[in-house]
Amino acid sequence: MDEDLYGSDLKLLVETGEYAGIGVDLTVSRKGELTTVSGMENLGQALLHRLLTRKGELADLGHPAYGSRLHELIGEPNTADTRELIRMYAKECIMTEPRVRDIVSIKVNTYKDNPGAVILDVVVAPIGSTVPLNLVFPYFLEVA
């Protein structure tokens, strides 16, 4: 049932470390086959990529409203006002995802070891499920 509601897709790995934020890679199994995600895992991956894609970036592909405005905050100071904008932009973006019934909570916390980053903690209520989906990831306001 999860796969019917939330679909399946190629598994994408967000770059980390030195190349964080540059892009994503396809993942390959030990047999050399492309790996996939389905169900709730696919919804989580889709939300992450929706948040990390610049709104309008896919306009030429027929999806002008896909993505978020989070990129507009790169270079801004990590203040309470900026964190509130992050929360608002994340909410605006997530509510365009048709597989999300409601947002339970969005928290934007300071990142203890990096003053130029925040931790986005999102809990959504997916359609057709009583089990919430939690997505936690760092978002960098400073370009390394």
N, C-alpha and C. Protein backbone atom coordinates (compact mmCIF):
# COMPACT_ATOMS: atom_id res chain seq x y z
N MET A 1 0.82 -1.20 0.00
CA MET A 1 0.00 0.00 0.00
C MET A 1 0.86 1.26 0.00
N ASP A 2 1.95 1.25 0.80
CA ASP A 2 2.82 2.41 0.83
C ASP A 2 3.32 2.79 -0.55
N GLU A 3 3.73 1.78 -1.32
CA GLU A 3 4.26 2.05 -2.65
C GLU A 3 3.19 2.65 -3.55
N ASP A 4 1.94 2.19 -3.41
CA ASP A 4 0.85 2.74 -4.22
C ASP A 4 0.63 4.21 -3.90
N LEU A 5 0.68 4.58 -2.63
CA LEU A 5 0.43 5.96 -2.22
C LEU A 5 1.63 6.88 -2.44
N TYR A 6 2.81 6.38 -2.12
CA TYR A 6 3.99 7.25 -2.08
C TYR A 6 4.97 7.01 -3.22
N GLY A 7 4.70 6.00 -4.04
CA GLY A 7 5.49 5.77 -5.23
C GLY A 7 6.86 5.17 -4.97
N SER A 8 7.60 5.05 -6.05
CA SER A 8 8.98 4.59 -5.97
C SER A 8 9.80 5.38 -6.98
N ASP A 9 11.09 5.42 -6.75
CA ASP A 9 11.98 6.23 -7.58
C ASP A 9 13.40 5.70 -7.42
N LEU A 10 14.30 6.21 -8.23
CA LEU A 10 15.71 5.89 -8.06
C LEU A 10 16.19 6.48 -6.74
N LYS A 11 17.02 5.75 -6.05
CA LYS A 11 17.57 6.25 -4.80
C LYS A 11 18.67 7.25 -5.12
N LEU A 12 18.56 8.43 -4.53
CA LEU A 12 19.54 9.49 -4.74
C LEU A 12 20.23 9.79 -3.43
N LEU A 13 21.51 9.96 -3.48
CA LEU A 13 22.31 10.25 -2.30
C LEU A 13 22.77 11.69 -2.38
N VAL A 14 22.41 12.50 -1.39
CA VAL A 14 22.84 13.90 -1.36
C VAL A 14 24.32 13.93 -1.02
N GLU A 15 25.08 14.75 -1.74
CA GLU A 15 26.51 14.88 -1.49
C GLU A 15 26.75 15.39 -0.07
N THR A 16 27.77 14.87 0.57
CA THR A 16 28.13 15.32 1.91
C THR A 16 29.61 15.68 1.93
N GLY A 17 30.05 16.15 3.05
CA GLY A 17 31.47 16.48 3.20
C GLY A 17 31.86 17.71 2.41
N GLU A 18 33.01 17.65 1.79
CA GLU A 18 33.58 18.79 1.07
C GLU A 18 32.67 19.29 -0.05
N TYR A 19 31.90 18.40 -0.66
CA TYR A 19 31.06 18.78 -1.79
C TYR A 19 29.59 18.94 -1.43
N ALA A 20 29.29 19.15 -0.15
CA ALA A 20 27.91 19.26 0.31
C ALA A 20 27.18 20.34 -0.47
N GLY A 21 25.97 20.02 -0.88
CA GLY A 21 25.12 20.98 -1.56
C GLY A 21 25.34 21.08 -3.05
N ILE A 22 26.31 20.36 -3.60
CA ILE A 22 26.60 20.46 -5.03
C ILE A 22 25.62 19.65 -5.85
N GLY A 23 25.18 18.51 -5.36
CA GLY A 23 24.27 17.71 -6.14
C GLY A 23 23.99 16.37 -5.50
N VAL A 24 23.52 15.46 -6.31
CA VAL A 24 23.19 14.13 -5.83
C VAL A 24 23.78 13.09 -6.75
N ASP A 25 23.91 11.89 -6.23
CA ASP A 25 24.41 10.77 -7.01
C ASP A 25 23.39 9.64 -6.97
N LEU A 26 23.32 8.90 -8.05
CA LEU A 26 22.55 7.66 -8.05
C LEU A 26 23.30 6.66 -7.20
N THR A 27 22.59 5.75 -6.57
CA THR A 27 23.25 4.72 -5.79
C THR A 27 23.16 3.40 -6.53
N VAL A 28 24.16 2.58 -6.31
CA VAL A 28 24.28 1.31 -7.03
C VAL A 28 24.43 0.19 -6.00
N SER A 29 23.75 -0.94 -6.27
CA SER A 29 23.86 -2.10 -5.39
C SER A 29 25.21 -2.78 -5.60
N ARG A 30 25.50 -3.77 -4.77
CA ARG A 30 26.75 -4.51 -4.91
C ARG A 30 26.82 -5.26 -6.23
N LYS A 31 25.67 -5.54 -6.81
CA LYS A 31 25.61 -6.21 -8.11
C LYS A 31 25.75 -5.23 -9.28
N GLY A 32 25.86 -3.94 -8.96
CA GLY A 32 26.01 -2.94 -10.00
C GLY A 32 24.70 -2.42 -10.56
N GLU A 33 23.58 -2.73 -9.90
CA GLU A 33 22.27 -2.28 -10.35
C GLU A 33 21.88 -1.00 -9.63
N LEU A 34 21.16 -0.12 -10.32
CA LEU A 34 20.65 1.09 -9.68
C LEU A 34 19.68 0.69 -8.57
N THR A 35 19.80 1.34 -7.42
CA THR A 35 18.90 1.04 -6.31
C THR A 35 17.71 2.00 -6.33
N THR A 36 16.63 1.55 -5.71
CA THR A 36 15.41 2.35 -5.68
C THR A 36 14.93 2.53 -4.25
N VAL A 37 14.03 3.48 -4.07
CA VAL A 37 13.33 3.67 -2.81
C VAL A 37 11.84 3.63 -3.11
N SER A 38 11.07 3.24 -2.13
CA SER A 38 9.62 3.23 -2.32
C SER A 38 8.94 3.52 -0.99
N GLY A 39 7.65 3.77 -1.09
CA GLY A 39 6.87 4.03 0.11
C GLY A 39 7.29 5.30 0.82
N MET A 40 7.27 5.23 2.15
CA MET A 40 7.60 6.41 2.97
C MET A 40 9.02 6.91 2.71
N GLU A 41 9.94 5.99 2.45
CA GLU A 41 11.32 6.40 2.17
C GLU A 41 11.36 7.27 0.91
N ASN A 42 10.56 6.92 -0.08
CA ASN A 42 10.49 7.73 -1.30
C ASN A 42 9.91 9.10 -1.00
N LEU A 43 8.87 9.16 -0.17
CA LEU A 43 8.29 10.45 0.20
C LEU A 43 9.33 11.31 0.92
N GLY A 44 10.08 10.73 1.84
CA GLY A 44 11.13 11.48 2.54
C GLY A 44 12.17 12.01 1.59
N GLN A 45 12.61 11.18 0.65
CA GLN A 45 13.59 11.61 -0.34
C GLN A 45 13.02 12.73 -1.21
N ALA A 46 11.76 12.59 -1.60
CA ALA A 46 11.12 13.60 -2.44
C ALA A 46 11.01 14.94 -1.72
N LEU A 47 10.67 14.90 -0.44
CA LEU A 47 10.58 16.15 0.33
C LEU A 47 11.94 16.83 0.45
N LEU A 48 12.97 16.04 0.75
CA LEU A 48 14.32 16.59 0.86
C LEU A 48 14.73 17.27 -0.44
N HIS A 49 14.52 16.60 -1.56
CA HIS A 49 14.93 17.19 -2.84
C HIS A 49 14.06 18.38 -3.24
N ARG A 50 12.79 18.35 -2.86
CA ARG A 50 11.92 19.51 -3.12
C ARG A 50 12.44 20.72 -2.35
N LEU A 51 12.83 20.51 -1.09
CA LEU A 51 13.34 21.60 -0.27
C LEU A 51 14.68 22.13 -0.77
N LEU A 52 15.53 21.25 -1.30
CA LEU A 52 16.87 21.66 -1.73
C LEU A 52 16.94 22.14 -3.18
N THR A 53 15.83 22.07 -3.90
CA THR A 53 15.78 22.56 -5.28
C THR A 53 15.28 24.00 -5.27
N ARG A 54 15.98 24.85 -6.01
CA ARG A 54 15.56 26.25 -6.08
C ARG A 54 14.22 26.36 -6.80
N LYS A 55 13.28 27.07 -6.19
CA LYS A 55 11.98 27.27 -6.82
C LYS A 55 12.19 27.93 -8.18
N GLY A 56 11.59 27.35 -9.21
CA GLY A 56 11.73 27.86 -10.57
C GLY A 56 12.83 27.19 -11.37
N GLU A 57 13.69 26.44 -10.69
CA GLU A 57 14.81 25.79 -11.37
C GLU A 57 14.35 24.78 -12.42
N LEU A 58 13.18 24.19 -12.22
CA LEU A 58 12.68 23.20 -13.17
C LEU A 58 11.59 23.77 -14.09
N ALA A 59 11.53 25.09 -14.21
CA ALA A 59 10.51 25.73 -15.05
C ALA A 59 10.61 25.29 -16.50
N ASP A 60 11.82 25.16 -17.01
CA ASP A 60 12.00 24.75 -18.41
C ASP A 60 11.52 23.32 -18.66
N LEU A 61 11.37 22.55 -17.59
CA LEU A 61 10.89 21.18 -17.70
C LEU A 61 9.39 21.08 -17.42
N GLY A 62 8.74 22.23 -17.26
CA GLY A 62 7.30 22.25 -17.03
C GLY A 62 6.88 22.25 -15.58
N HIS A 63 7.81 22.53 -14.66
CA HIS A 63 7.48 22.54 -13.24
C HIS A 63 7.93 23.86 -12.59
N PRO A 64 7.33 24.98 -12.96
CA PRO A 64 7.80 26.27 -12.45
C PRO A 64 7.60 26.47 -10.94
N ALA A 65 6.65 25.79 -10.34
CA ALA A 65 6.38 25.98 -8.92
C ALA A 65 7.12 24.99 -8.03
N TYR A 66 7.84 24.03 -8.63
CA TYR A 66 8.55 23.01 -7.85
C TYR A 66 9.75 23.64 -7.16
N GLY A 67 9.99 23.26 -5.92
CA GLY A 67 11.18 23.72 -5.20
C GLY A 67 10.82 24.66 -4.07
N SER A 68 11.87 25.21 -3.47
CA SER A 68 11.67 26.12 -2.33
C SER A 68 12.44 27.42 -2.55
N ARG A 69 12.19 28.34 -1.64
CA ARG A 69 12.89 29.63 -1.66
C ARG A 69 14.05 29.66 -0.67
N LEU A 70 14.42 28.51 -0.11
CA LEU A 70 15.49 28.48 0.89
C LEU A 70 16.78 29.08 0.36
N HIS A 71 17.06 28.89 -0.92
CA HIS A 71 18.31 29.41 -1.50
C HIS A 71 18.43 30.92 -1.37
N GLU A 72 17.30 31.62 -1.24
CA GLU A 72 17.32 33.08 -1.10
C GLU A 72 17.97 33.51 0.22
N LEU A 73 18.11 32.58 1.15
CA LEU A 73 18.64 32.92 2.47
C LEU A 73 20.13 32.62 2.62
N ILE A 74 20.74 32.06 1.59
CA ILE A 74 22.17 31.81 1.65
C ILE A 74 22.90 33.15 1.76
N GLY A 75 23.78 33.25 2.73
CA GLY A 75 24.50 34.49 2.97
C GLY A 75 23.88 35.35 4.06
N GLU A 76 22.67 35.00 4.49
CA GLU A 76 22.02 35.76 5.56
C GLU A 76 22.58 35.32 6.91
N PRO A 77 22.54 36.20 7.90
CA PRO A 77 23.04 35.81 9.22
C PRO A 77 22.09 34.81 9.89
N ASN A 78 22.63 33.98 10.73
CA ASN A 78 21.84 32.98 11.43
C ASN A 78 21.18 33.64 12.65
N THR A 79 20.10 34.35 12.40
CA THR A 79 19.36 35.05 13.45
C THR A 79 17.98 34.42 13.59
N ALA A 80 17.27 34.83 14.62
CA ALA A 80 15.90 34.34 14.84
C ALA A 80 15.02 34.69 13.64
N ASP A 81 15.20 35.88 13.06
CA ASP A 81 14.39 36.28 11.90
C ASP A 81 14.69 35.38 10.69
N THR A 82 15.94 35.09 10.46
CA THR A 82 16.31 34.20 9.34
C THR A 82 15.76 32.80 9.57
N ARG A 83 15.86 32.30 10.78
CA ARG A 83 15.33 30.97 11.07
C ARG A 83 13.82 30.93 10.88
N GLU A 84 13.13 32.01 11.19
CA GLU A 84 11.68 32.06 10.96
C GLU A 84 11.37 32.06 9.46
N LEU A 85 12.18 32.75 8.67
CA LEU A 85 12.00 32.71 7.21
C LEU A 85 12.24 31.29 6.68
N ILE A 86 13.25 30.62 7.21
CA ILE A 86 13.52 29.23 6.81
C ILE A 86 12.29 28.38 7.09
N ARG A 87 11.73 28.54 8.28
CA ARG A 87 10.54 27.78 8.65
C ARG A 87 9.37 28.08 7.70
N MET A 88 9.16 29.34 7.41
CA MET A 88 8.06 29.73 6.52
C MET A 88 8.28 29.21 5.09
N TYR A 89 9.51 29.33 4.57
CA TYR A 89 9.80 28.85 3.22
C TYR A 89 9.66 27.33 3.14
N ALA A 90 10.09 26.63 4.19
CA ALA A 90 9.94 25.18 4.21
C ALA A 90 8.47 24.79 4.22
N LYS A 91 7.68 25.47 5.03
CA LYS A 91 6.24 25.19 5.10
C LYS A 91 5.58 25.43 3.74
N GLU A 92 5.89 26.54 3.13
CA GLU A 92 5.34 26.88 1.82
C GLU A 92 5.67 25.78 0.79
N CYS A 93 6.88 25.30 0.82
CA CYS A 93 7.34 24.27 -0.12
C CYS A 93 6.68 22.93 0.16
N ILE A 94 6.68 22.50 1.39
CA ILE A 94 6.16 21.18 1.75
C ILE A 94 4.67 21.06 1.43
N MET A 95 3.93 22.14 1.60
CA MET A 95 2.49 22.08 1.36
C MET A 95 2.15 21.95 -0.13
N THR A 96 3.13 22.07 -1.01
CA THR A 96 2.88 21.83 -2.43
C THR A 96 3.03 20.36 -2.79
N GLU A 97 3.49 19.55 -1.84
CA GLU A 97 3.65 18.11 -2.07
C GLU A 97 2.31 17.42 -1.87
N PRO A 98 1.73 16.84 -2.92
CA PRO A 98 0.39 16.26 -2.82
C PRO A 98 0.30 15.03 -1.90
N ARG A 99 1.44 14.42 -1.57
CA ARG A 99 1.40 13.24 -0.69
C ARG A 99 1.45 13.61 0.79
N VAL A 100 1.48 14.92 1.08
CA VAL A 100 1.49 15.40 2.47
C VAL A 100 0.11 15.97 2.79
N ARG A 101 -0.52 15.39 3.81
CA ARG A 101 -1.84 15.86 4.25
C ARG A 101 -1.71 17.11 5.10
N ASP A 102 -0.70 17.12 6.00
CA ASP A 102 -0.55 18.23 6.92
C ASP A 102 0.89 18.26 7.44
N ILE A 103 1.27 19.41 7.94
CA ILE A 103 2.56 19.55 8.61
C ILE A 103 2.31 19.51 10.10
N VAL A 104 2.94 18.58 10.78
CA VAL A 104 2.79 18.45 12.22
C VAL A 104 3.66 19.51 12.92
N SER A 105 4.91 19.61 12.48
CA SER A 105 5.81 20.63 13.05
C SER A 105 6.99 20.88 12.13
N ILE A 106 7.50 22.08 12.23
CA ILE A 106 8.76 22.46 11.57
C ILE A 106 9.57 23.22 12.59
N LYS A 107 10.73 22.69 12.92
CA LYS A 107 11.62 23.36 13.86
C LYS A 107 12.91 23.68 13.13
N VAL A 108 13.43 24.86 13.39
CA VAL A 108 14.70 25.28 12.83
C VAL A 108 15.60 25.63 14.01
N ASN A 109 16.59 24.78 14.23
CA ASN A 109 17.47 24.95 15.38
C ASN A 109 18.88 25.32 14.94
N THR A 110 19.57 26.01 15.83
CA THR A 110 20.96 26.34 15.52
C THR A 110 21.78 25.06 15.54
N TYR A 111 22.81 25.06 14.77
CA TYR A 111 23.72 23.92 14.64
C TYR A 111 24.89 24.22 15.57
N LYS A 112 25.02 23.42 16.62
CA LYS A 112 25.98 23.70 17.69
C LYS A 112 27.40 23.93 17.18
N ASP A 113 27.86 23.13 16.22
CA ASP A 113 29.25 23.20 15.78
C ASP A 113 29.48 24.09 14.57
N ASN A 114 28.40 24.69 14.03
CA ASN A 114 28.55 25.51 12.82
C ASN A 114 27.56 26.67 12.87
N PRO A 115 28.04 27.88 13.18
CA PRO A 115 27.12 29.02 13.27
C PRO A 115 26.50 29.42 11.92
N GLY A 116 27.04 28.91 10.82
CA GLY A 116 26.50 29.22 9.51
C GLY A 116 25.52 28.18 9.00
N ALA A 117 25.06 27.31 9.92
CA ALA A 117 24.13 26.25 9.52
C ALA A 117 23.01 26.12 10.54
N VAL A 118 21.91 25.55 10.10
CA VAL A 118 20.79 25.25 10.99
C VAL A 118 20.39 23.79 10.76
N ILE A 119 19.66 23.26 11.70
CA ILE A 119 19.09 21.92 11.56
C ILE A 119 17.59 22.09 11.34
N LEU A 120 17.12 21.60 10.23
CA LEU A 120 15.70 21.63 9.90
C LEU A 120 15.09 20.30 10.34
N ASP A 121 14.12 20.36 11.21
CA ASP A 121 13.45 19.16 11.74
C ASP A 121 11.97 19.27 11.35
N VAL A 122 11.55 18.45 10.40
CA VAL A 122 10.21 18.53 9.84
C VAL A 122 9.46 17.24 10.14
N VAL A 123 8.24 17.37 10.63
CA VAL A 123 7.37 16.22 10.84
C VAL A 123 6.09 16.48 10.05
N VAL A 124 5.78 15.55 9.14
CA VAL A 124 4.58 15.69 8.31
C VAL A 124 3.65 14.51 8.53
N ALA A 125 2.37 14.74 8.24
CA ALA A 125 1.36 13.68 8.25
C ALA A 125 1.11 13.33 6.78
N PRO A 126 1.59 12.18 6.32
CA PRO A 126 1.36 11.79 4.93
C PRO A 126 -0.11 11.42 4.70
N ILE A 127 -0.55 11.54 3.48
CA ILE A 127 -1.90 11.11 3.15
C ILE A 127 -2.03 9.62 3.41
N GLY A 128 -3.19 9.19 3.81
CA GLY A 128 -3.45 7.77 3.96
C GLY A 128 -2.68 7.05 5.05
N SER A 129 -2.11 7.79 6.01
CA SER A 129 -1.33 7.16 7.06
C SER A 129 -1.54 7.88 8.38
N THR A 130 -1.49 7.12 9.45
CA THR A 130 -1.53 7.72 10.79
C THR A 130 -0.13 7.83 11.37
N VAL A 131 0.86 7.34 10.62
CA VAL A 131 2.25 7.37 11.07
C VAL A 131 2.93 8.61 10.50
N PRO A 132 3.41 9.51 11.36
CA PRO A 132 4.08 10.70 10.84
C PRO A 132 5.45 10.36 10.25
N LEU A 133 5.90 11.22 9.35
CA LEU A 133 7.22 11.08 8.74
C LEU A 133 8.09 12.22 9.25
N ASN A 134 9.27 11.87 9.77
CA ASN A 134 10.19 12.86 10.30
C ASN A 134 11.39 12.98 9.38
N LEU A 135 11.74 14.20 9.03
CA LEU A 135 12.87 14.49 8.15
C LEU A 135 13.75 15.50 8.88
N VAL A 136 15.02 15.15 9.11
CA VAL A 136 15.95 16.04 9.80
C VAL A 136 17.20 16.16 8.94
N PHE A 137 17.59 17.42 8.65
CA PHE A 137 18.80 17.61 7.85
C PHE A 137 19.38 19.00 8.10
N PRO A 138 20.69 19.15 7.89
CA PRO A 138 21.31 20.47 8.04
C PRO A 138 21.06 21.32 6.80
N TYR A 139 20.94 22.62 7.02
CA TYR A 139 20.85 23.57 5.91
C TYR A 139 21.88 24.64 6.17
N PHE A 140 22.70 24.92 5.15
CA PHE A 140 23.84 25.80 5.31
C PHE A 140 23.53 27.19 4.75
N LEU A 141 23.67 28.20 5.62
CA LEU A 141 23.46 29.59 5.23
C LEU A 141 24.73 30.20 4.65
N GLU A 142 25.85 29.61 4.95
CA GLU A 142 27.13 30.11 4.44
C GLU A 142 27.67 29.15 3.40
N VAL A 143 28.22 29.70 2.35
CA VAL A 143 28.85 28.89 1.31
C VAL A 143 30.28 28.65 1.74
N ALA A 144 30.69 27.39 1.74
CA ALA A 144 32.05 27.05 2.19
C ALA A 144 33.08 27.50 1.20
